[in-house]
């Protein structure tokens, strides 16, 4: 079996926190894969394309989260295996 234990990726810093992915942790699992998904979405903007197709009839003065942030939360939750997404709190828009 071929492994990529020496492979690593650098991600842009979030605030003052540095994010680096490495694959030398052995047989472990986590939701860190969502960072790769977020990075891919930044590159191809699939959420942006989907958002452009959704009509938002909400009153702007009462809107706290954009359609894009709601969509991104749902898509990423499903990708992480949280189909019901009943335990998520939306992050501030700057982090999405």
Protein backbone atom coordinates (compact mmCIF):
# COMPACT_ATOMS: atom_id res chain seq x y z
CA UNK A 1 0.00 0.00 0.00
CA UNK A 2 1.34 3.41 -0.97
CA UNK A 3 1.10 6.15 1.65
CA UNK A 4 1.60 9.87 1.44
CA UNK A 5 2.73 10.41 5.02
CA UNK A 6 5.17 13.13 4.00
CA UNK A 7 2.51 15.05 2.06
CA UNK A 8 1.24 18.25 3.69
CA UNK A 9 -0.89 21.24 2.74
CA UNK A 10 -0.80 24.79 4.05
CA UNK A 11 -4.02 26.72 4.36
CA UNK A 12 -4.48 30.45 4.81
CA UNK A 13 -4.38 31.54 8.44
CA UNK A 14 -7.72 32.11 10.12
CA UNK A 15 -7.25 35.08 12.40
CA UNK A 16 -3.97 34.32 14.14
CA UNK A 17 -4.38 30.53 13.91
CA UNK A 18 -2.26 28.60 11.43
CA UNK A 19 -3.87 25.62 9.70
CA UNK A 20 -1.71 22.83 8.26
CA UNK A 21 -2.82 19.38 7.18
CA UNK A 22 -0.49 16.40 7.46
CA UNK A 23 -1.04 12.74 6.80
CA UNK A 24 1.42 11.12 9.18
CA UNK A 25 -0.99 10.56 12.08
CA UNK A 26 -1.62 6.91 11.39
CA UNK A 27 -5.13 5.48 11.26
CA UNK A 28 -7.12 8.39 12.67
CA UNK A 29 -10.22 10.23 11.60
CA UNK A 30 -11.56 13.74 12.07
CA UNK A 31 -13.63 16.39 10.37
CA UNK A 32 -10.51 18.16 9.13
CA UNK A 33 -11.36 17.05 5.60
CA UNK A 34 -13.87 19.86 5.55
CA UNK A 35 -10.88 22.21 5.23
CA UNK A 36 -10.06 20.59 1.89
CA UNK A 37 -13.70 20.94 0.83
CA UNK A 38 -13.73 24.61 1.82
CA UNK A 39 -10.51 25.20 -0.11
CA UNK A 40 -11.95 23.46 -3.19
CA UNK A 41 -15.09 25.61 -2.91
CA UNK A 42 -12.91 28.73 -2.80
CA UNK A 43 -11.27 27.62 -6.04
CA UNK A 44 -14.34 26.57 -8.07
CA UNK A 45 -17.06 28.54 -6.20
CA UNK A 46 -19.74 25.87 -6.46
CA UNK A 47 -21.63 27.37 -3.50
CA UNK A 48 -21.58 30.76 -5.22
CA UNK A 49 -23.02 29.23 -8.37
CA UNK A 50 -25.76 27.49 -6.39
CA UNK A 51 -26.52 30.65 -4.40
CA UNK A 52 -27.06 32.53 -7.64
CA UNK A 53 -29.90 30.14 -8.49
CA UNK A 54 -31.76 30.52 -5.17
CA UNK A 55 -34.33 33.29 -4.85
CA UNK A 56 -34.11 34.86 -1.39
CA UNK A 57 -37.45 36.44 -0.46
CA UNK A 58 -36.51 37.10 3.17
CA UNK A 59 -36.75 40.61 4.62
CA UNK A 60 -33.21 41.96 4.44
CA UNK A 61 -33.54 43.73 7.80
CA UNK A 62 -34.25 40.38 9.49
CA UNK A 63 -31.59 38.33 7.75
CA UNK A 64 -28.69 37.26 9.95
CA UNK A 65 -27.04 34.68 7.66
CA UNK A 66 -26.66 34.84 3.91
CA UNK A 67 -27.98 32.12 1.65
CA UNK A 68 -24.36 31.28 0.79
CA UNK A 69 -23.39 30.73 4.44
CA UNK A 70 -26.50 28.60 5.08
CA UNK A 71 -25.82 26.52 1.97
CA UNK A 72 -22.14 26.14 2.83
CA UNK A 73 -23.03 24.99 6.36
CA UNK A 74 -25.47 22.38 5.05
CA UNK A 75 -23.17 21.06 2.31
CA UNK A 76 -20.15 20.82 4.62
CA UNK A 77 -22.21 19.16 7.36
CA UNK A 78 -23.46 16.50 4.94
CA UNK A 79 -19.89 15.97 3.67
CA UNK A 80 -18.75 15.38 7.26
CA UNK A 81 -21.52 12.85 7.83
CA UNK A 82 -23.87 15.06 9.83
CA UNK A 83 -26.95 14.68 7.62
CA UNK A 84 -29.39 16.24 10.08
CA UNK A 85 -27.05 19.17 10.94
CA UNK A 86 -29.03 19.70 14.12
CA UNK A 87 -26.06 20.58 16.29
CA UNK A 88 -24.34 23.27 14.24
CA UNK A 89 -23.95 26.92 15.05
CA UNK A 90 -23.09 29.17 12.12
CA UNK A 91 -19.68 30.77 12.28
CA UNK A 92 -19.31 34.50 11.71
CA UNK A 93 -19.33 35.26 7.96
CA UNK A 94 -15.62 36.18 8.01
CA UNK A 95 -14.75 32.52 8.69
CA UNK A 96 -17.01 31.15 5.99
